[in-house]
PDB file of N, CA and C in Angstrom:
ATOM      1  N   MET A   1      -8.573 101.054  18.384  1.00  0.00           N
ATOM      2  CA  MET A   1      -9.400 100.295  17.697  1.00  0.00           C
ATOM      3  C   MET A   1      -8.850  98.926  17.437  1.00  0.00           C
ATOM      4  N   ALA A   2      -7.466  98.959  16.822  1.00  0.00           N
ATOM      5  CA  ALA A   2      -7.007  97.776  16.510  1.00  0.00           C
ATOM      6  C   ALA A   2      -6.692  96.765  17.649  1.00  0.00           C
ATOM      7  N   ARG A   3      -6.345  97.480  18.703  1.00  0.00           N
ATOM      8  CA  ARG A   3      -6.140  96.818  19.930  1.00  0.00           C
ATOM      9  C   ARG A   3      -7.183  96.107  20.421  1.00  0.00           C
ATOM     10  N   SER A   4      -8.637  96.689  20.536  1.00  0.00           N
ATOM     11  CA  SER A   4      -9.595  96.120  20.812  1.00  0.00           C
ATOM     12  C   SER A   4     -10.193  94.977  19.986  1.00  0.00           C
ATOM     13  N   ALA A   5      -9.902  95.086  18.820  1.00  0.00           N
ATOM     14  CA  ALA A   5     -10.144  93.989  17.933  1.00  0.00           C
ATOM     15  C   ALA A   5      -9.257  92.886  18.210  1.00  0.00           C
ATOM     16  N   VAL A   6      -7.937  92.988  18.537  1.00  0.00           N
ATOM     17  CA  VAL A   6      -7.021  91.805  18.899  1.00  0.00           C
ATOM     18  C   VAL A   6      -7.528  91.218  20.280  1.00  0.00           C
ATOM     19  N   VAL A   7      -7.933  92.040  21.120  1.00  0.00           N
ATOM     20  CA  VAL A   7      -8.518  91.554  22.525  1.00  0.00           C
ATOM     21  C   VAL A   7      -9.823  90.739  22.268  1.00  0.00           C
ATOM     22  N   LEU A   8     -10.651  91.306  21.440  1.00  0.00           N
ATOM     23  CA  LEU A   8     -11.833  90.547  21.029  1.00  0.00           C
ATOM     24  C   LEU A   8     -11.552  89.163  20.404  1.00  0.00           C
ATOM     25  N   ALA A   9     -10.581  89.299  19.568  1.00  0.00           N
ATOM     26  CA  ALA A   9     -10.305  87.921  18.725  1.00  0.00           C
ATOM     27  C   ALA A   9      -9.569  86.963  19.684  1.00  0.00           C
ATOM     28  N   THR A  10      -8.810  87.497  20.571  1.00  0.00           N
ATOM     29  CA  THR A  10      -8.109  86.601  21.589  1.00  0.00           C
ATOM     30  C   THR A  10      -9.310  85.974  22.610  1.00  0.00           C
ATOM     31  N   SER A  11     -10.111  86.975  22.919  1.00  0.00           N
ATOM     32  CA  SER A  11     -11.186  86.397  23.803  1.00  0.00           C
ATOM     33  C   SER A  11     -11.941  85.353  23.024  1.00  0.00           C
ATOM     34  N   LEU A  12     -12.243  85.569  21.967  1.00  0.00           N
ATOM     35  CA  LEU A  12     -13.127  84.477  21.113  1.00  0.00           C
ATOM     36  C   LEU A  12     -12.287  83.312  20.987  1.00  0.00           C
ATOM     37  N   VAL A  13     -11.040  83.317  20.682  1.00  0.00           N
ATOM     38  CA  VAL A  13     -10.164  82.128  20.696  1.00  0.00           C
ATOM     39  C   VAL A  13     -10.148  81.475  22.005  1.00  0.00           C
ATOM     40  N   LEU A  14      -9.913  82.105  23.105  1.00  0.00           N
ATOM     41  CA  LEU A  14      -9.956  81.645  24.413  1.00  0.00           C
ATOM     42  C   LEU A  14     -11.196  80.890  24.658  1.00  0.00           C
ATOM     43  N   ALA A  15     -12.496  81.565  24.245  1.00  0.00           N
ATOM     44  CA  ALA A  15     -13.571  80.937  24.667  1.00  0.00           C
ATOM     45  C   ALA A  15     -13.953  79.716  23.799  1.00  0.00           C
ATOM     46  N   LEU A  16     -13.421  79.593  22.528  1.00  0.00           N
ATOM     47  CA  LEU A  16     -13.727  78.390  21.731  1.00  0.00           C
ATOM     48  C   LEU A  16     -12.749  77.276  22.207  1.00  0.00           C
ATOM     49  N   VAL A  17     -11.614  77.703  22.729  1.00  0.00           N
ATOM     50  CA  VAL A  17     -10.688  76.455  23.360  1.00  0.00           C
ATOM     51  C   VAL A  17     -11.399  76.056  24.470  1.00  0.00           C
ATOM     52  N   GLY A  18     -11.936  76.881  25.104  1.00  0.00           N
ATOM     53  CA  GLY A  18     -12.455  76.357  26.491  1.00  0.00           C
ATOM     54  C   GLY A  18     -13.680  75.530  26.442  1.00  0.00           C
ATOM     55  N   LEU A  19     -14.211  75.529  25.231  1.00  0.00           N
ATOM     56  CA  LEU A  19     -15.420  74.612  24.841  1.00  0.00           C
ATOM     57  C   LEU A  19     -14.937  73.208  24.866  1.00  0.00           C
ATOM     58  N   VAL A  20     -16.086  72.313  25.692  1.00  0.00           N
ATOM     59  CA  VAL A  20     -15.702  70.874  25.701  1.00  0.00           C
ATOM     60  C   VAL A  20     -17.020  70.402  25.155  1.00  0.00           C
ATOM     61  N   VAL A  21     -16.928  69.457  24.221  1.00  0.00           N
ATOM     62  CA  VAL A  21     -18.189  68.800  23.914  1.00  0.00           C
ATOM     63  C   VAL A  21     -18.477  67.769  24.846  1.00  0.00           C
ATOM     64  N   VAL A  22     -19.602  67.581  25.364  1.00  0.00           N
ATOM     65  CA  VAL A  22     -20.259  66.779  26.417  1.00  0.00           C
ATOM     66  C   VAL A  22     -21.181  65.801  25.854  1.00  0.00           C
ATOM     67  N   GLN A  23     -21.113  64.732  25.846  1.00  0.00           N
ATOM     68  CA  GLN A  23     -22.255  63.811  25.359  1.00  0.00           C
ATOM     69  C   GLN A  23     -23.305  63.778  26.522  1.00  0.00           C
ATOM     70  N   PRO A  24     -24.493  63.850  26.130  1.00  0.00           N
ATOM     71  CA  PRO A  24     -25.484  63.756  27.319  1.00  0.00           C
ATOM     72  C   PRO A  24     -25.721  62.249  27.834  1.00  0.00           C
ATOM     73  N   PRO A  25     -25.825  62.269  29.148  1.00  0.00           N
ATOM     74  CA  PRO A  25     -25.884  60.875  29.588  1.00  0.00           C
ATOM     75  C   PRO A  25     -27.022  60.088  29.017  1.00  0.00           C
ATOM     76  N   GLN A  26     -26.566  58.828  28.778  1.00  0.00           N
ATOM     77  CA  GLN A  26     -27.601  58.027  27.953  1.00  0.00           C
ATOM     78  C   GLN A  26     -28.567  57.376  29.165  1.00  0.00           C
ATOM     79  N   ALA A  27     -29.775  57.203  28.758  1.00  0.00           N
ATOM     80  CA  ALA A  27     -30.709  56.465  29.828  1.00  0.00           C
ATOM     81  C   ALA A  27     -30.130  55.065  30.057  1.00  0.00           C
ATOM     82  N   ARG A  28     -30.113  54.740  31.259  1.00  0.00           N
ATOM     83  CA  ARG A  28     -29.842  53.493  31.740  1.00  0.00           C
ATOM     84  C   ARG A  28     -30.878  52.481  31.770  1.00  0.00           C
ATOM     85  N   ALA A  29     -30.832  51.306  31.118  1.00  0.00           N
ATOM     86  CA  ALA A  29     -31.836  50.266  30.988  1.00  0.00           C
ATOM     87  C   ALA A  29     -32.273  49.931  32.418  1.00  0.00           C
ATOM     88  N   ALA A  30     -33.616  49.728  32.730  1.00  0.00           N
ATOM     89  CA  ALA A  30     -33.998  49.484  34.026  1.00  0.00           C
ATOM     90  C   ALA A  30     -33.626  48.184  34.523  1.00  0.00           C
ATOM     91  N   ASP A  31     -33.377  47.817  35.721  1.00  0.00           N
ATOM     92  CA  ASP A  31     -32.958  46.593  35.996  1.00  0.00           C
ATOM     93  C   ASP A  31     -34.075  45.654  35.926  1.00  0.00           C
ATOM     94  N   PRO A  32     -33.748  44.492  35.375  1.00  0.00           N
ATOM     95  CA  PRO A  32     -34.805  43.527  35.346  1.00  0.00           C
ATOM     96  C   PRO A  32     -35.510  43.292  36.882  1.00  0.00           C
ATOM     97  N   ALA A  33     -36.878  42.925  36.831  1.00  0.00           N
ATOM     98  CA  ALA A  33     -37.398  42.388  37.985  1.00  0.00           C
ATOM     99  C   ALA A  33     -36.744  41.223  38.649  1.00  0.00           C
ATOM    100  N   PRO A  34     -36.748  41.188  40.011  1.00  0.00           N
ATOM    101  CA  PRO A  34     -36.024  40.066  40.440  1.00  0.00           C
ATOM    102  C   PRO A  34     -36.722  38.663  40.354  1.00  0.00           C
ATOM    103  N   ILE A  35     -36.036  37.854  40.361  1.00  0.00           N
ATOM    104  CA  ILE A  35     -36.326  36.340  40.396  1.00  0.00           C
ATOM    105  C   ILE A  35     -36.458  36.058  41.846  1.00  0.00           C
ATOM    106  N   THR A  36     -37.610  35.342  42.047  1.00  0.00           N
ATOM    107  CA  THR A  36     -37.878  34.937  43.445  1.00  0.00           C
ATOM    108  C   THR A  36     -37.213  33.572  43.665  1.00  0.00           C
ATOM    109  N   HIS A  37     -36.857  33.241  44.889  1.00  0.00           N
ATOM    110  CA  HIS A  37     -36.468  31.814  45.275  1.00  0.00           C
ATOM    111  C   HIS A  37     -36.682  31.443  46.449  1.00  0.00           C
ATOM    112  N   ALA A  38     -36.834  30.329  46.619  1.00  0.00           N
ATOM    113  CA  ALA A  38     -37.125  29.647  47.990  1.00  0.00           C
ATOM    114  C   ALA A  38     -36.493  28.343  48.216  1.00  0.00           C
ATOM    115  N   LYS A  39     -36.383  27.812  49.414  1.00  0.00           N
ATOM    116  CA  LYS A  39     -35.945  26.396  49.583  1.00  0.00           C
ATOM    117  C   LYS A  39     -36.605  25.922  50.843  1.00  0.00           C
ATOM    118  N   SER A  40     -37.026  24.543  50.819  1.00  0.00           N
ATOM    119  CA  SER A  40     -37.760  24.021  51.949  1.00  0.00           C
ATOM    120  C   SER A  40     -37.319  22.649  51.903  1.00  0.00           C
ATOM    121  N   SER A  41     -37.648  22.090  53.146  1.00  0.00           N
ATOM    122  CA  SER A  41     -37.292  20.543  53.225  1.00  0.00           C
ATOM    123  C   SER A  41     -38.673  19.924  53.791  1.00  0.00           C
ATOM    124  N   GLY A  42     -38.655  18.464  53.592  1.00  0.00           N
ATOM    125  CA  GLY A  42     -39.752  17.983  54.159  1.00  0.00           C
ATOM    126  C   GLY A  42     -39.745  17.750  55.755  1.00  0.00           C
ATOM    127  N   GLY A  43     -38.851  18.309  56.363  1.00  0.00           N
ATOM    128  CA  GLY A  43     -38.969  18.091  57.962  1.00  0.00           C
ATOM    129  C   GLY A  43     -37.516  17.393  58.409  1.00  0.00           C
ATOM    130  N   SER A  44     -37.749  16.826  59.590  1.00  0.00           N
ATOM    131  CA  SER A  44     -36.602  16.252  60.177  1.00  0.00           C
ATOM    132  C   SER A  44     -36.380  14.772  59.555  1.00  0.00           C
ATOM    133  N   VAL A  45     -35.144  14.263  59.662  1.00  0.00           N
ATOM    134  CA  VAL A  45     -34.708  13.242  59.187  1.00  0.00           C
ATOM    135  C   VAL A  45     -33.861  12.411  60.057  1.00  0.00           C
ATOM    136  N   LEU A  46     -33.878  11.146  60.105  1.00  0.00           N
ATOM    137  CA  LEU A  46     -32.962  10.407  61.027  1.00  0.00           C
ATOM    138  C   LEU A  46     -31.630  10.022  60.353  1.00  0.00           C
ATOM    139  N   LEU A  47     -30.651   9.874  61.229  1.00  0.00           N
ATOM    140  CA  LEU A  47     -29.188   9.728  60.632  1.00  0.00           C
ATOM    141  C   LEU A  47     -29.194   8.586  59.620  1.00  0.00           C
ATOM    142  N   GLY A  48     -28.745   8.846  58.474  1.00  0.00           N
ATOM    143  CA  GLY A  48     -28.462   8.062  57.482  1.00  0.00           C
ATOM    144  C   GLY A  48     -29.785   7.777  56.526  1.00  0.00           C
ATOM    145  N   GLY A  49     -30.795   8.706  56.785  1.00  0.00           N
ATOM    146  CA  GLY A  49     -32.058   8.750  56.166  1.00  0.00           C
ATOM    147  C   GLY A  49     -31.958   9.663  54.918  1.00  0.00           C
ATOM    148  N   THR A  50     -32.883   9.718  54.169  1.00  0.00           N
ATOM    149  CA  THR A  50     -32.941  10.710  53.071  1.00  0.00           C
ATOM    150  C   THR A  50     -34.065  11.661  53.381  1.00  0.00           C
ATOM    151  N   ALA A  51     -33.965  12.827  52.752  1.00  0.00           N
ATOM    152  CA  ALA A  51     -34.959  13.912  52.965  1.00  0.00           C
ATOM    153  C   ALA A  51     -35.153  14.784  51.680  1.00  0.00           C
ATOM    154  N   ASP A  52     -36.392  15.046  51.441  1.00  0.00           N
ATOM    155  CA  ASP A  52     -36.641  15.852  50.190  1.00  0.00           C
ATOM    156  C   ASP A  52     -36.022  17.323  50.549  1.00  0.00           C
ATOM    157  N   TRP A  53     -35.434  17.903  49.611  1.00  0.00           N
ATOM    158  CA  TRP A  53     -34.691  19.303  49.765  1.00  0.00           C
ATOM    159  C   TRP A  53     -35.391  20.210  48.387  1.00  0.00           C
ATOM    160  N   ARG A  54     -36.071  21.076  48.476  1.00  0.00           N
ATOM    161  CA  ARG A  54     -36.841  21.587  47.346  1.00  0.00           C
ATOM    162  C   ARG A  54     -36.210  22.941  47.218  1.00  0.00           C
ATOM    163  N   LEU A  55     -35.675  23.126  46.018  1.00  0.00           N
ATOM    164  CA  LEU A  55     -35.242  24.647  45.658  1.00  0.00           C
ATOM    165  C   LEU A  55     -36.166  25.097  44.455  1.00  0.00           C
ATOM    166  N   THR A  56     -36.582  26.276  44.518  1.00  0.00           N
ATOM    167  CA  THR A  56     -37.590  26.780  43.619  1.00  0.00           C
ATOM    168  C   THR A  56     -37.339  28.204  43.197  1.00  0.00           C
ATOM    169  N   ALA A  57     -37.365  28.382  41.914  1.00  0.00           N
ATOM    170  CA  ALA A  57     -37.147  29.853  41.509  1.00  0.00           C
ATOM    171  C   ALA A  57     -38.141  30.122  40.378  1.00  0.00           C
ATOM    172  N   SER A  58     -38.637  31.371  40.480  1.00  0.00           N
ATOM    173  CA  SER A  58     -39.806  31.799  39.701  1.00  0.00           C
ATOM    174  C   SER A  58     -39.502  33.136  39.054  1.00  0.00           C
ATOM    175  N   ASN A  59     -39.802  33.322  37.684  1.00  0.00           N
ATOM    176  CA  ASN A  59     -39.739  34.424  37.024  1.00  0.00           C
ATOM    177  C   ASN A  59     -40.779  35.528  37.672  1.00  0.00           C
ATOM    178  N   PRO A  60     -40.444  36.836  37.549  1.00  0.00           N
ATOM    179  CA  PRO A  60     -41.271  37.926  38.127  1.00  0.00           C
ATOM    180  C   PRO A  60     -42.574  37.831  37.852  1.00  0.00           C
ATOM    181  N   PRO A  61     -43.417  38.352  38.791  1.00  0.00           N
ATOM    182  CA  PRO A  61     -44.958  38.242  38.488  1.00  0.00           C
ATOM    183  C   PRO A  61     -45.424  39.123  37.357  1.00  0.00           C
ATOM    184  N   ASP A  62     -44.305  39.913  36.988  1.00  0.00           N
ATOM    185  CA  ASP A  62     -44.958  40.988  35.749  1.00  0.00           C
ATOM    186  C   ASP A  62     -44.731  40.359  34.414  1.00  0.00           C
ATOM    187  N   GLY A  63     -44.364  39.007  34.384  1.00  0.00           N
ATOM    188  CA  GLY A  63     -44.359  38.333  33.130  1.00  0.00           C
ATOM    189  C   GLY A  63     -42.828  38.463  32.376  1.00  0.00           C
ATOM    190  N   THR A  64     -41.890  39.101  33.072  1.00  0.00           N
ATOM    191  CA  THR A  64     -40.632  39.082  32.359  1.00  0.00           C
ATOM    192  C   THR A  64     -39.909  37.872  32.479  1.00  0.00           C
ATOM    193  N   GLU A  65     -39.609  37.236  31.453  1.00  0.00           N
ATOM    194  CA  GLU A  65     -38.954  35.908  31.399  1.00  0.00           C
ATOM    195  C   GLU A  65     -37.293  36.109  31.549  1.00  0.00           C
ATOM    196  N   GLN A  66     -36.620  35.496  32.488  1.00  0.00           N
ATOM    197  CA  GLN A  66     -35.269  35.809  32.611  1.00  0.00           C
ATOM    198  C   GLN A  66     -34.585  34.349  32.409  1.00  0.00           C
ATOM    199  N   TYR A  67     -33.464  34.084  31.855  1.00  0.00           N
ATOM    200  CA  TYR A  67     -32.901  33.032  31.478  1.00  0.00           C
ATOM    201  C   TYR A  67     -31.356  32.836  32.208  1.00  0.00           C
ATOM    202  N   ASN A  68     -30.868  31.706  31.992  1.00  0.00           N
ATOM    203  CA  ASN A  68     -29.435  31.425  32.375  1.00  0.00           C
ATOM    204  C   ASN A  68     -29.393  31.744  33.805  1.00  0.00           C
ATOM    205  N   LEU A  69     -30.298  31.036  34.597  1.00  0.00           N
ATOM    206  CA  LEU A  69     -30.105  31.230  36.057  1.00  0.00           C
ATOM    207  C   LEU A  69     -29.123  30.011  36.592  1.00  0.00           C
ATOM    208  N   SER A  70     -28.128  30.517  37.516  1.00  0.00           N
ATOM    209  CA  SER A  70     -27.415  29.635  38.061  1.00  0.00           C
ATOM    210  C   SER A  70     -27.826  29.497  39.634  1.00  0.00           C
ATOM    211  N   PHE A  71     -28.028  28.293  40.076  1.00  0.00           N
ATOM    212  CA  PHE A  71     -28.470  27.940  41.361  1.00  0.00           C
ATOM    213  C   PHE A  71     -27.378  27.314  42.189  1.00  0.00           C
ATOM    214  N   THR A  72     -27.081  28.070  43.350  1.00  0.00           N
ATOM    215  CA  THR A  72     -26.033  27.576  44.460  1.00  0.00           C
ATOM    216  C   THR A  72     -26.765  27.385  45.794  1.00  0.00           C
ATOM    217  N   ASP A  73     -26.575  26.161  46.460  1.00  0.00           N
ATOM    218  CA  ASP A  73     -26.994  25.895  47.618  1.00  0.00           C
ATOM    219  C   ASP A  73     -26.033  25.256  48.438  1.00  0.00           C
ATOM    220  N   THR A  74     -25.920  25.712  49.788  1.00  0.00           N
ATOM    221  CA  THR A  74     -24.878  25.141  50.638  1.00  0.00           C
ATOM    222  C   THR A  74     -25.648  24.351  51.568  1.00  0.00           C
ATOM    223  N   LEU A  75     -25.120  22.927  51.667  1.00  0.00           N
ATOM    224  CA  LEU A  75     -25.890  21.859  52.455  1.00  0.00           C
ATOM    225  C   LEU A  75     -25.282  22.068  53.921  1.00  0.00           C
ATOM    226  N   PRO A  76     -25.989  21.782  54.966  1.00  0.00           N
ATOM    227  CA  PRO A  76     -25.536  21.925  56.267  1.00  0.00           C
ATOM    228  C   PRO A  76     -24.434  20.650  56.441  1.00  0.00           C
ATOM    229  N   GLN A  77     -23.612  20.999  57.432  1.00  0.00           N
ATOM    230  CA  GLN A  77     -22.461  20.138  57.694  1.00  0.00           C
ATOM    231  C   GLN A  77     -23.056  18.802  58.189  1.00  0.00           C
ATOM    232  N   GLY A  78     -22.376  17.534  57.379  1.00  0.00           N
ATOM    233  CA  GLY A  78     -22.920  16.432  57.554  1.00  0.00           C
ATOM    234  C   GLY A  78     -24.083  15.848  56.650  1.00  0.00           C
ATOM    235  N   VAL A  79     -24.591  16.594  55.913  1.00  0.00           N
ATOM    236  CA  VAL A  79     -25.692  16.338  54.823  1.00  0.00           C
ATOM    237  C   VAL A  79     -24.871  16.243  53.442  1.00  0.00           C
ATOM    238  N   ALA A  80     -25.362  15.186  52.631  1.00  0.00           N
ATOM    239  CA  ALA A  80     -24.736  14.983  51.374  1.00  0.00           C
ATOM    240  C   ALA A  80     -25.870  14.878  50.360  1.00  0.00           C
ATOM    241  N   TYR A  81     -25.407  15.494  49.189  1.00  0.00           N
ATOM    242  CA  TYR A  81     -26.403  15.128  48.007  1.00  0.00           C
ATOM    243  C   TYR A  81     -26.318  13.845  47.414  1.00  0.00           C
ATOM    244  N   GLN A  82     -27.620  13.237  47.424  1.00  0.00           N
ATOM    245  CA  GLN A  82     -27.759  11.785  46.687  1.00  0.00           C
ATOM    246  C   GLN A  82     -27.530  12.112  45.232  1.00  0.00           C
ATOM    247  N   PRO A  83     -26.609  11.424  44.641  1.00  0.00           N
ATOM    248  CA  PRO A  83     -26.340  11.541  43.140  1.00  0.00           C
ATOM    249  C   PRO A  83     -27.721  11.223  42.377  1.00  0.00           C
ATOM    250  N   ASN A  84     -28.035  11.821  41.282  1.00  0.00           N
ATOM    251  CA  ASN A  84     -29.002  11.603  40.509  1.00  0.00           C
ATOM    252  C   ASN A  84     -30.466  11.834  40.986  1.00  0.00           C
ATOM    253  N   SER A  85     -30.476  12.546  42.029  1.00  0.00           N
ATOM    254  CA  SER A  85     -31.783  12.890  42.563  1.00  0.00           C
ATOM    255  C   SER A  85     -32.286  14.207  42.083  1.00  0.00           C
ATOM    256  N   THR A  86     -31.779  14.995  41.393  1.00  0.00           N
ATOM    257  CA  THR A  86     -32.368  16.270  40.897  1.00  0.00           C
ATOM    258  C   THR A  86     -33.594  15.992  40.052  1.00  0.00           C
ATOM    259  N   SER A  87     -34.695  16.690  40.269  1.00  0.00           N
ATOM    260  CA  SER A  87     -35.968  16.300  39.691  1.00  0.00           C
ATOM    261  C   SER A  87     -36.429  17.875  39.449  1.00  0.00           C
ATOM    262  N   PRO A  88     -36.936  18.025  38.183  1.00  0.00           N
ATOM    263  CA  PRO A  88     -36.803  17.140  37.022  1.00  0.00           C
ATOM    264  C   PRO A  88     -35.399  16.904  36.498  1.00  0.00           C
ATOM    265  N   ALA A  89     -35.154  16.001  35.931  1.00  0.00           N
ATOM    266  CA  ALA A  89     -33.819  15.450  35.596  1.00  0.00           C
ATOM    267  C   ALA A  89     -33.360  16.333  34.391  1.00  0.00           C
ATOM    268  N   MET A  90     -34.199  17.208  33.748  1.00  0.00           N
ATOM    269  CA  MET A  90     -33.732  18.015  32.683  1.00  0.00           C
ATOM    270  C   MET A  90     -32.640  19.225  33.151  1.00  0.00           C
ATOM    271  N   PHE A  91     -32.757  19.259  34.537  1.00  0.00           N
ATOM    272  CA  PHE A  91     -31.793  20.359  35.034  1.00  0.00           C
ATOM    273  C   PHE A  91     -30.538  19.774  35.347  1.00  0.00           C
ATOM    274  N   GLY A  92     -30.307  18.579  35.144  1.00  0.00           N
ATOM    275  CA  GLY A  92     -28.856  17.839  35.186  1.00  0.00           C
ATOM    276  C   GLY A  92     -28.321  17.856  36.588  1.00  0.00           C
ATOM    277  N   GLU A  93     -27.302  17.323  36.774  1.00  0.00           N
ATOM    278  CA  GLU A  93     -26.570  17.029  38.201  1.00  0.00           C
ATOM    279  C   GLU A  93     -25.843  18.386  38.559  1.00  0.00           C
ATOM    280  N   PRO A  94     -25.941  18.650  39.684  1.00  0.00           N
ATOM    281  CA  PRO A  94     -25.199  19.906  40.119  1.00  0.00           C
ATOM    282  C   PRO A  94     -23.457  19.600  40.298  1.00  0.00           C
ATOM    283  N   GLN A  95     -22.840  20.667  39.991  1.00  0.00           N
ATOM    284  CA  GLN A  95     -21.451  20.432  40.484  1.00  0.00           C
ATOM    285  C   GLN A  95     -21.356  20.404  41.896  1.00  0.00           C
ATOM    286  N   ILE A  96     -20.521  19.531  42.447  1.00  0.00           N
ATOM    287  CA  ILE A  96     -20.602  19.334  44.067  1.00  0.00           C
ATOM    288  C   ILE A  96     -19.101  19.707  44.519  1.00  0.00           C
ATOM    289  N   ILE A  97     -19.112  20.636  45.347  1.00  0.00           N
ATOM    290  CA  ILE A  97     -17.941  21.137  45.908  1.00  0.00           C
ATOM    291  C   ILE A  97     -17.782  20.733  47.299  1.00  0.00           C
ATOM    292  N   THR A  98     -17.040  19.855  47.856  1.00  0.00           N
ATOM    293  CA  THR A  98     -16.977  19.458  49.307  1.00  0.00           C
ATOM    294  C   THR A  98     -15.848  20.404  49.850  1.00  0.00           C
ATOM    295  N   ILE A  99     -16.204  20.962  50.966  1.00  0.00           N
ATOM    296  CA  ILE A  99     -15.492  21.807  51.734  1.00  0.00           C
ATOM    297  C   ILE A  99     -15.222  21.182  53.116  1.00  0.00           C
ATOM    298  N   VAL A 100     -13.993  21.209  53.446  1.00  0.00           N
ATOM    299  CA  VAL A 100     -13.432  20.655  54.699  1.00  0.00           C
ATOM    300  C   VAL A 100     -13.595  21.704  55.626  1.00  0.00           C
ATOM    301  N   ASP A 101     -14.355  21.438  56.605  1.00  0.00           N
ATOM    302  CA  ASP A 101     -14.688  22.382  57.914  1.00  0.00           C
ATOM    303  C   ASP A 101     -13.612  22.159  59.048  1.00  0.00           C
ATOM    304  N   ASP A 102     -13.415  20.892  59.216  1.00  0.00           N
ATOM    305  CA  ASP A 102     -12.583  20.490  60.354  1.00  0.00           C
ATOM    306  C   ASP A 102     -11.788  19.242  60.129  1.00  0.00           C
ATOM    307  N   ALA A 103     -10.564  19.375  59.645  1.00  0.00           N
ATOM    308  CA  ALA A 103      -9.696  18.276  59.205  1.00  0.00           C
ATOM    309  C   ALA A 103      -8.998  17.553  60.438  1.00  0.00           C
ATOM    310  N   THR A 104      -9.214  17.985  61.564  1.00  0.00           N
ATOM    311  CA  THR A 104      -8.625  17.359  62.669  1.00  0.00           C
ATOM    312  C   THR A 104      -9.522  16.301  63.307  1.00  0.00           C
ATOM    313  N   THR A 105     -10.628  16.235  62.949  1.00  0.00           N
ATOM    314  CA  THR A 105     -11.524  14.900  63.448  1.00  0.00           C
ATOM    315  C   THR A 105     -11.473  13.911  62.519  1.00  0.00           C
ATOM    316  N   THR A 106     -11.887  12.734  62.982  1.00  0.00           N
ATOM    317  CA  THR A 106     -11.991  11.614  62.037  1.00  0.00           C
ATOM    318  C   THR A 106     -13.487  11.167  62.381  1.00  0.00           C
ATOM    319  N   PRO A 107     -14.383  11.021  61.322  1.00  0.00           N
ATOM    320  CA  PRO A 107     -13.953  11.482  59.790  1.00  0.00           C
ATOM    321  C   PRO A 107     -13.954  13.098  59.833  1.00  0.00           C
ATOM    322  N   LYS A 108     -13.584  13.604  58.876  1.00  0.00           N
ATOM    323  CA  LYS A 108     -13.348  15.039  58.587  1.00  0.00           C
ATOM    324  C   LYS A 108     -14.832  15.502  58.672  1.00  0.00           C
ATOM    325  N   LYS A 109     -14.932  16.729  59.182  1.00  0.00           N
ATOM    326  CA  LYS A 109     -16.227  17.612  59.144  1.00  0.00           C
ATOM    327  C   LYS A 109     -16.291  18.301  57.972  1.00  0.00           C
ATOM    328  N   THR A 110     -17.126  17.983  56.977  1.00  0.00           N
ATOM    329  CA  THR A 110     -17.417  18.771  55.680  1.00  0.00           C
ATOM    330  C   THR A 110     -18.696  19.219  55.481  1.00  0.00           C
ATOM    331  N   HIS A 111     -18.884  19.979  54.460  1.00  0.00           N
ATOM    332  CA  HIS A 111     -20.285  20.236  53.897  1.00  0.00           C
ATOM    333  C   HIS A 111     -20.144  20.444  52.441  1.00  0.00           C
ATOM    334  N   GLN A 112     -21.193  20.336  51.686  1.00  0.00           N
ATOM    335  CA  GLN A 112     -21.165  20.562  50.485  1.00  0.00           C
ATOM    336  C   GLN A 112     -21.884  21.822  49.967  1.00  0.00           C
ATOM    337  N   VAL A 113     -21.144  22.302  48.716  1.00  0.00           N
ATOM    338  CA  VAL A 113     -22.026  23.244  48.023  1.00  0.00           C
ATOM    339  C   VAL A 113     -22.346  22.887  46.626  1.00  0.00           C
ATOM    340  N   LEU A 114     -23.596  22.869  46.427  1.00  0.00           N
ATOM    341  CA  LEU A 114     -23.965  22.398  44.979  1.00  0.00           C
ATOM    342  C   LEU A 114     -24.387  23.613  44.122  1.00  0.00           C
ATOM    343  N   ILE A 115     -23.897  23.368  42.886  1.00  0.00           N
ATOM    344  CA  ILE A 115     -24.110  24.461  41.877  1.00  0.00           C
ATOM    345  C   ILE A 115     -24.842  23.979  40.615  1.00  0.00           C
ATOM    346  N   TRP A 116     -26.034  24.193  40.251  1.00  0.00           N
ATOM    347  CA  TRP A 116     -26.630  23.987  39.117  1.00  0.00           C
ATOM    348  C   TRP A 116     -26.540  25.209  38.287  1.00  0.00           C
ATOM    349  N   SER A 117     -25.945  25.072  37.004  1.00  0.00           N
ATOM    350  CA  SER A 117     -25.519  26.173  36.048  1.00  0.00           C
ATOM    351  C   SER A 117     -26.401  26.195  34.903  1.00  0.00           C
ATOM    352  N   ASN A 118     -26.965  27.414  34.550  1.00  0.00           N
ATOM    353  CA  ASN A 118     -27.654  27.747  33.412  1.00  0.00           C
ATOM    354  C   ASN A 118     -28.980  26.748  33.228  1.00  0.00           C
ATOM    355  N   VAL A 119     -29.732  27.025  34.313  1.00  0.00           N
ATOM    356  CA  VAL A 119     -30.911  26.211  34.248  1.00  0.00           C
ATOM    357  C   VAL A 119     -32.145  27.101  33.910  1.00  0.00           C
TER     358      VAL A 119
END
């Protein structure tokens, strides 16, 4: 009888030691609806001319407003951003990063990456 009490007590201790407290998984917040974006141009342009380049972003149609959008656009090789041409001006000027595609040519072949932050 004493031996079965020791076995029972040992089994109970082992069972308690084997218990692990597990926190139930927390519900993950749903991903916000995506912001839609598009870009378009006014068509073809002659060398040295200017063209309208329109970037548009819209909050989701479900009415969820999202903020702090950063916009990046890569211009084609040989196309350059015209300073102070962002409209509306409240979005400010983009950061302009010029990337050299081919340094062996004269002039060098480059393209620009434009970044508007926190618009």
